[in-house]
Structure formats: structure tokens, C-alpha cells
Amino acid sequence: MSTGTLLAIIIPVAVVLVVLAAGAVLVQRRRHLRERFGPEYERTVEDAGGRLKAERDLSARERRHDALEIRPLPGSVRDRYTRDWENVQGEFVDRPEDAVQDADILVASLMRERGYPTEGLEQRLKDLSVEHGRTLEHYRAAHDVNQLSMKHEATTEQLRGAMVHYRALFDELLSDGGQARHARA
């Protein structure tokens, strides 16, 4: 066989192998992002208008998150937050709008204590999505009701639901929220 014939066979085979390897890497990366971000993956795909753009955004979120110093809470701090949450819940009976606003403030404080930046809602959502993608919809729903509450437009049932939603994220942030698991991986 001539050199030209060998090259005509080897080059296309090599190209096919490279394309297959690249495809396998993309599939593995997509699987990783879906598992890590949970429901936030599909939400981001929809918002971005496509998978590639969404996956670039999610990867950027991961890089930003990896640069943050997210830390677990010492037991005494966790106990203080637990007491603070109980006080906020107790406040709900007499002043539900105030309780929802206080729950929002308490969740933001807990985020700061853990090491999350809290500079704006969209950035908070992106930062939280990396480790808390499965409970992030709770935070969005609670925040929406809090906005209604500030205009005195939320019903008592909506306010009660907001407290339940805040509690879901609060509980996850109060625990290690999966951070220790990912730090070891």
C-alpha cells in the first residue's frame, strides 16, 4: 500500500476518533451539570435559549463558586440561627408580613455567614445554584411573595407559603448543604 493510501485511511479514522472523544466529553460534561444543578439546569437552558450557552453560563457559575470561601457553620452559630428562625416563625402569628421580610433578611444573613456574596438577587441565585439548585425555586418563590408583601398585596396563604419556602433553603444553608461532599470529591 502506498503512503497516500495509508494517509487516506488513517486521517479519516483519526478524525472520527477525535470527534467521538469530543462528543463523549460533551456528554459527560452535560451529565455533570444536570446532576449538579438539578432543576436549575433546565431553567438556565430555557432562559439562555440553548444548551451550549446555558452550559457556558453554568460552568462560569461553577468557577465563580469555586473561588468563594463557602464554609460550614460552627455549632454555636448554627444554634443561634436556629433560635433566630424560631423567633421569626413565632412572629408570623401576629405580623405575617414582617415575619416574611425578617425571614428574607435572616436567609441573606445566613448566606453571608456561610461565605456567599449577597450583592443582588440575580447574582445570589447564580451563586446558590451551584450547591443548592434543588432548593433554589423555593427561594425564588419566597422572594416573589416578599416583594408582594412589601406592597401589602400578599395573601396570608401566600405569606405562609413564603415561610415554608424560606425554611427549605434556610435548612439547607444551615447544614453543610452538600458543600463538604463536593469539597472532598
C-alpha atoms as a PDB file:
ATOM      1  CA  MET A   1       0.000   0.000   0.000  1.00  0.00           C
ATOM      2  CA  SER A   2       1.257   3.417  -0.855  1.00  0.00           C
ATOM      3  CA  THR A   3       1.790   6.202   1.657  1.00  0.00           C
ATOM      4  CA  GLY A   4      -1.023   8.180   0.083  1.00  0.00           C
ATOM      5  CA  THR A   5      -3.467   5.305   0.523  1.00  0.00           C
ATOM      6  CA  LEU A   6      -2.433   4.816   4.159  1.00  0.00           C
ATOM      7  CA  LEU A   7      -2.891   8.505   4.856  1.00  0.00           C
ATOM      8  CA  ALA A   8      -6.279   8.437   3.135  1.00  0.00           C
ATOM      9  CA  ILE A   9      -7.334   5.719   5.581  1.00  0.00           C
ATOM     10  CA  ILE A  10      -5.597   6.893   8.750  1.00  0.00           C
ATOM     11  CA  ILE A  11      -6.597  10.576   8.636  1.00  0.00           C
ATOM     12  CA  PRO A  12     -10.382   9.989   8.387  1.00  0.00           C
ATOM     13  CA  VAL A  13     -10.183   7.317  11.127  1.00  0.00           C
ATOM     14  CA  ALA A  14      -8.245   9.735  13.356  1.00  0.00           C
ATOM     15  CA  VAL A  15     -10.786  12.499  12.692  1.00  0.00           C
ATOM     16  CA  VAL A  16     -13.674  10.164  13.568  1.00  0.00           C
ATOM     17  CA  LEU A  17     -11.931   9.125  16.790  1.00  0.00           C
ATOM     18  CA  VAL A  18     -11.323  12.768  17.777  1.00  0.00           C
ATOM     19  CA  VAL A  19     -14.969  13.651  17.059  1.00  0.00           C
ATOM     20  CA  LEU A  20     -16.178  10.670  19.112  1.00  0.00           C
ATOM     21  CA  ALA A  21     -13.881  11.599  22.009  1.00  0.00           C
ATOM     22  CA  ALA A  22     -15.064  15.214  21.927  1.00  0.00           C
ATOM     23  CA  GLY A  23     -18.686  14.053  21.879  1.00  0.00           C
ATOM     24  CA  ALA A  24     -18.077  11.793  24.867  1.00  0.00           C
ATOM     25  CA  VAL A  25     -16.534  14.693  26.800  1.00  0.00           C
ATOM     26  CA  LEU A  26     -19.519  16.920  25.993  1.00  0.00           C
ATOM     27  CA  VAL A  27     -21.995  14.240  27.073  1.00  0.00           C
ATOM     28  CA  GLN A  28     -20.102  13.692  30.313  1.00  0.00           C
ATOM     29  CA  ARG A  29     -19.971  17.451  30.990  1.00  0.00           C
ATOM     30  CA  ARG A  30     -23.705  17.811  30.293  1.00  0.00           C
ATOM     31  CA  ARG A  31     -24.459  14.927  32.683  1.00  0.00           C
ATOM     32  CA  HIS A  32     -22.293  16.543  35.376  1.00  0.00           C
ATOM     33  CA  LEU A  33     -24.072  19.886  35.005  1.00  0.00           C
ATOM     34  CA  ARG A  34     -27.525  18.279  35.084  1.00  0.00           C
ATOM     35  CA  GLU A  35     -26.670  16.362  38.244  1.00  0.00           C
ATOM     36  CA  ARG A  36     -25.058  19.317  39.979  1.00  0.00           C
ATOM     37  CA  PHE A  37     -27.640  21.961  39.115  1.00  0.00           C
ATOM     38  CA  GLY A  38     -30.780  19.829  39.157  1.00  0.00           C
ATOM     39  CA  PRO A  39     -33.874  21.759  38.019  1.00  0.00           C
ATOM     40  CA  GLU A  40     -31.744  24.882  37.589  1.00  0.00           C
ATOM     41  CA  TYR A  41     -30.099  23.245  34.551  1.00  0.00           C
ATOM     42  CA  GLU A  42     -33.331  23.188  32.513  1.00  0.00           C
ATOM     43  CA  ARG A  43     -34.325  26.641  33.738  1.00  0.00           C
ATOM     44  CA  THR A  44     -30.990  28.033  32.568  1.00  0.00           C
ATOM     45  CA  VAL A  45     -31.273  26.271  29.193  1.00  0.00           C
ATOM     46  CA  GLU A  46     -34.693  27.845  28.716  1.00  0.00           C
ATOM     47  CA  ASP A  47     -33.536  31.312  29.819  1.00  0.00           C
ATOM     48  CA  ALA A  48     -30.362  31.158  27.693  1.00  0.00           C
ATOM     49  CA  GLY A  49     -32.188  29.938  24.608  1.00  0.00           C
ATOM     50  CA  GLY A  50     -29.924  26.950  24.082  1.00  0.00           C
ATOM     51  CA  ARG A  51     -27.860  24.258  25.750  1.00  0.00           C
ATOM     52  CA  LEU A  52     -24.392  25.448  24.764  1.00  0.00           C
ATOM     53  CA  LYS A  53     -24.961  28.984  26.008  1.00  0.00           C
ATOM     54  CA  ALA A  54     -26.581  27.669  29.199  1.00  0.00           C
ATOM     55  CA  GLU A  55     -23.758  25.227  29.809  1.00  0.00           C
ATOM     56  CA  ARG A  56     -21.198  28.006  29.417  1.00  0.00           C
ATOM     57  CA  ASP A  57     -23.155  30.047  31.959  1.00  0.00           C
ATOM     58  CA  LEU A  58     -23.395  27.122  34.388  1.00  0.00           C
ATOM     59  CA  SER A  59     -19.677  26.404  34.020  1.00  0.00           C
ATOM     60  CA  ALA A  60     -18.933  30.061  34.761  1.00  0.00           C
ATOM     61  CA  ARG A  61     -21.112  29.793  37.871  1.00  0.00           C
ATOM     62  CA  GLU A  62     -19.088  26.779  38.975  1.00  0.00           C
ATOM     63  CA  ARG A  63     -15.800  28.654  38.501  1.00  0.00           C
ATOM     64  CA  ARG A  64     -17.087  31.667  40.465  1.00  0.00           C
ATOM     65  CA  HIS A  65     -18.446  29.405  43.194  1.00  0.00           C
ATOM     66  CA  ASP A  66     -15.159  27.509  43.439  1.00  0.00           C
ATOM     67  CA  ALA A  67     -13.393  30.817  44.096  1.00  0.00           C
ATOM     68  CA  LEU A  68     -15.715  31.615  47.017  1.00  0.00           C
ATOM     69  CA  GLU A  69     -14.805  30.581  50.529  1.00  0.00           C
ATOM     70  CA  ILE A  70     -18.002  28.747  51.458  1.00  0.00           C
ATOM     71  CA  ARG A  71     -17.659  27.459  54.982  1.00  0.00           C
ATOM     72  CA  PRO A  72     -19.666  25.278  57.333  1.00  0.00           C
ATOM     73  CA  LEU A  73     -21.049  26.882  60.461  1.00  0.00           C
ATOM     74  CA  PRO A  74     -19.767  26.177  63.948  1.00  0.00           C
ATOM     75  CA  GLY A  75     -22.369  24.577  66.213  1.00  0.00           C
ATOM     76  CA  SER A  76     -22.859  27.737  68.308  1.00  0.00           C
ATOM     77  CA  VAL A  77     -23.587  29.834  65.203  1.00  0.00           C
ATOM     78  CA  ARG A  78     -25.943  27.159  63.866  1.00  0.00           C
ATOM     79  CA  ASP A  79     -27.771  27.180  67.224  1.00  0.00           C
ATOM     80  CA  ARG A  80     -28.076  30.979  67.122  1.00  0.00           C
ATOM     81  CA  TYR A  81     -29.574  30.852  63.629  1.00  0.00           C
ATOM     82  CA  THR A  82     -31.972  28.113  64.724  1.00  0.00           C
ATOM     83  CA  ARG A  83     -33.184  30.335  67.586  1.00  0.00           C
ATOM     84  CA  ASP A  84     -33.456  33.316  65.247  1.00  0.00           C
ATOM     85  CA  TRP A  85     -35.563  31.248  62.840  1.00  0.00           C
ATOM     86  CA  GLU A  86     -37.847  30.138  65.665  1.00  0.00           C
ATOM     87  CA  ASN A  87     -38.341  33.794  66.616  1.00  0.00           C
ATOM     88  CA  VAL A  88     -39.210  34.694  63.020  1.00  0.00           C
ATOM     89  CA  GLN A  89     -41.702  31.823  62.856  1.00  0.00           C
ATOM     90  CA  GLY A  90     -43.252  32.965  66.150  1.00  0.00           C
ATOM     91  CA  GLU A  91     -43.616  36.460  64.739  1.00  0.00           C
ATOM     92  CA  PHE A  92     -45.730  35.115  61.859  1.00  0.00           C
ATOM     93  CA  VAL A  93     -48.854  34.712  64.009  1.00  0.00           C
ATOM     94  CA  ASP A  94     -49.175  38.406  64.830  1.00  0.00           C
ATOM     95  CA  ARG A  95     -47.244  40.049  61.993  1.00  0.00           C
ATOM     96  CA  PRO A  96     -47.015  37.752  58.947  1.00  0.00           C
ATOM     97  CA  GLU A  97     -45.706  40.400  56.528  1.00  0.00           C
ATOM     98  CA  ASP A  98     -42.947  41.385  58.948  1.00  0.00           C
ATOM     99  CA  ALA A  99     -42.100  37.733  59.536  1.00  0.00           C
ATOM    100  CA  VAL A 100     -41.651  37.090  55.801  1.00  0.00           C
ATOM    101  CA  GLN A 101     -39.433  40.149  55.461  1.00  0.00           C
ATOM    102  CA  ASP A 102     -37.431  39.059  58.515  1.00  0.00           C
ATOM    103  CA  ALA A 103     -37.118  35.556  57.048  1.00  0.00           C
ATOM    104  CA  ASP A 104     -35.665  37.078  53.876  1.00  0.00           C
ATOM    105  CA  ILE A 105     -33.178  39.093  55.934  1.00  0.00           C
ATOM    106  CA  LEU A 106     -32.266  36.044  58.029  1.00  0.00           C
ATOM    107  CA  VAL A 107     -31.643  33.891  54.938  1.00  0.00           C
ATOM    108  CA  ALA A 108     -29.421  36.634  53.471  1.00  0.00           C
ATOM    109  CA  SER A 109     -27.533  36.866  56.765  1.00  0.00           C
ATOM    110  CA  LEU A 110     -27.032  33.099  56.818  1.00  0.00           C
ATOM    111  CA  MET A 111     -25.777  33.232  53.243  1.00  0.00           C
ATOM    112  CA  ARG A 112     -23.224  35.894  54.208  1.00  0.00           C
ATOM    113  CA  GLU A 113     -22.170  33.881  57.250  1.00  0.00           C
ATOM    114  CA  ARG A 114     -21.547  30.837  55.051  1.00  0.00           C
ATOM    115  CA  GLY A 115     -19.449  32.949  52.653  1.00  0.00           C
ATOM    116  CA  TYR A 116     -21.900  33.676  49.842  1.00  0.00           C
ATOM    117  CA  PRO A 117     -21.876  37.214  48.409  1.00  0.00           C
ATOM    118  CA  THR A 118     -25.277  38.874  48.702  1.00  0.00           C
ATOM    119  CA  GLU A 119     -24.880  41.833  46.350  1.00  0.00           C
ATOM    120  CA  GLY A 120     -28.002  41.329  44.226  1.00  0.00           C
ATOM    121  CA  LEU A 121     -30.803  38.837  43.759  1.00  0.00           C
ATOM    122  CA  GLU A 122     -29.704  37.541  40.343  1.00  0.00           C
ATOM    123  CA  GLN A 123     -26.127  37.017  41.495  1.00  0.00           C
ATOM    124  CA  ARG A 124     -27.330  35.393  44.743  1.00  0.00           C
ATOM    125  CA  LEU A 125     -29.437  32.985  42.701  1.00  0.00           C
ATOM    126  CA  LYS A 126     -26.489  32.126  40.446  1.00  0.00           C
ATOM    127  CA  ASP A 127     -24.127  31.610  43.382  1.00  0.00           C
ATOM    128  CA  LEU A 128     -26.626  29.476  45.278  1.00  0.00           C
ATOM    129  CA  SER A 129     -27.491  27.425  42.191  1.00  0.00           C
ATOM    130  CA  VAL A 130     -24.167  25.586  42.232  1.00  0.00           C
ATOM    131  CA  GLU A 131     -24.742  23.852  45.575  1.00  0.00           C
ATOM    132  CA  HIS A 132     -28.452  24.479  46.151  1.00  0.00           C
ATOM    133  CA  GLY A 133     -30.035  24.120  42.708  1.00  0.00           C
ATOM    134  CA  ARG A 134     -32.711  21.767  44.031  1.00  0.00           C
ATOM    135  CA  THR A 135     -33.991  24.279  46.615  1.00  0.00           C
ATOM    136  CA  LEU A 136     -33.442  27.434  44.602  1.00  0.00           C
ATOM    137  CA  GLU A 137     -37.017  27.523  43.330  1.00  0.00           C
ATOM    138  CA  HIS A 138     -38.113  27.812  46.974  1.00  0.00           C
ATOM    139  CA  TYR A 139     -36.006  30.941  47.316  1.00  0.00           C
ATOM    140  CA  ARG A 140     -37.409  32.455  44.127  1.00  0.00           C
ATOM    141  CA  ALA A 141     -40.995  31.782  45.223  1.00  0.00           C
ATOM    142  CA  ALA A 142     -40.400  33.181  48.710  1.00  0.00           C
ATOM    143  CA  HIS A 143     -38.695  36.267  47.332  1.00  0.00           C
ATOM    144  CA  ASP A 144     -41.606  36.927  44.951  1.00  0.00           C
ATOM    145  CA  VAL A 145     -44.087  36.779  47.819  1.00  0.00           C
ATOM    146  CA  ASN A 146     -41.834  39.023  49.899  1.00  0.00           C
ATOM    147  CA  GLN A 147     -41.971  41.596  47.101  1.00  0.00           C
ATOM    148  CA  LEU A 148     -45.788  41.408  47.121  1.00  0.00           C
ATOM    149  CA  SER A 149     -45.746  41.642  50.892  1.00  0.00           C
ATOM    150  CA  MET A 150     -43.793  44.888  50.835  1.00  0.00           C
ATOM    151  CA  LYS A 151     -46.643  46.364  48.778  1.00  0.00           C
ATOM    152  CA  HIS A 152     -49.212  44.757  51.134  1.00  0.00           C
ATOM    153  CA  GLU A 153     -50.540  42.670  48.215  1.00  0.00           C
ATOM    154  CA  ALA A 154     -49.786  39.163  49.518  1.00  0.00           C
ATOM    155  CA  THR A 155     -52.482  36.959  50.986  1.00  0.00           C
ATOM    156  CA  THR A 156     -51.986  35.194  54.298  1.00  0.00           C
ATOM    157  CA  GLU A 157     -51.755  31.888  52.426  1.00  0.00           C
ATOM    158  CA  GLN A 158     -49.041  33.281  50.151  1.00  0.00           C
ATOM    159  CA  LEU A 159     -47.174  34.567  53.197  1.00  0.00           C
ATOM    160  CA  ARG A 160     -47.439  31.166  54.868  1.00  0.00           C
ATOM    161  CA  GLY A 161     -46.122  29.536  51.701  1.00  0.00           C
ATOM    162  CA  ALA A 162     -43.218  32.006  51.603  1.00  0.00           C
ATOM    163  CA  MET A 163     -42.238  30.971  55.124  1.00  0.00           C
ATOM    164  CA  VAL A 164     -42.250  27.318  54.053  1.00  0.00           C
ATOM    165  CA  HIS A 165     -40.120  28.188  51.016  1.00  0.00           C
ATOM    166  CA  TYR A 166     -37.648  30.248  53.045  1.00  0.00           C
ATOM    167  CA  ARG A 167     -37.422  27.404  55.530  1.00  0.00           C
ATOM    168  CA  ALA A 168     -36.392  24.906  52.816  1.00  0.00           C
ATOM    169  CA  LEU A 169     -33.387  26.995  51.774  1.00  0.00           C
ATOM    170  CA  PHE A 170     -32.653  28.045  55.361  1.00  0.00           C
ATOM    171  CA  ASP A 171     -32.439  24.412  56.492  1.00  0.00           C
ATOM    172  CA  GLU A 172     -30.132  23.519  53.623  1.00  0.00           C
ATOM    173  CA  LEU A 173     -27.867  26.508  54.247  1.00  0.00           C
ATOM    174  CA  LEU A 174     -27.809  25.758  57.959  1.00  0.00           C
ATOM    175  CA  SER A 175     -26.493  22.272  57.294  1.00  0.00           C
ATOM    176  CA  ASP A 176     -23.395  21.929  55.138  1.00  0.00           C
ATOM    177  CA  GLY A 177     -25.766  21.940  52.129  1.00  0.00           C
ATOM    178  CA  GLY A 178     -23.637  19.386  50.326  1.00  0.00           C
ATOM    179  CA  GLN A 179     -20.539  21.604  50.438  1.00  0.00           C
ATOM    180  CA  ALA A 180     -18.407  19.115  52.391  1.00  0.00           C
ATOM    181  CA  ARG A 181     -19.350  16.365  49.947  1.00  0.00           C
ATOM    182  CA  HIS A 182     -18.223  18.402  46.909  1.00  0.00           C
ATOM    183  CA  ALA A 183     -15.091  19.669  48.658  1.00  0.00           C
ATOM    184  CA  ARG A 184     -13.857  16.078  49.040  1.00  0.00           C
ATOM    185  CA  ALA A 185     -14.810  14.995  45.504  1.00  0.00           C
END
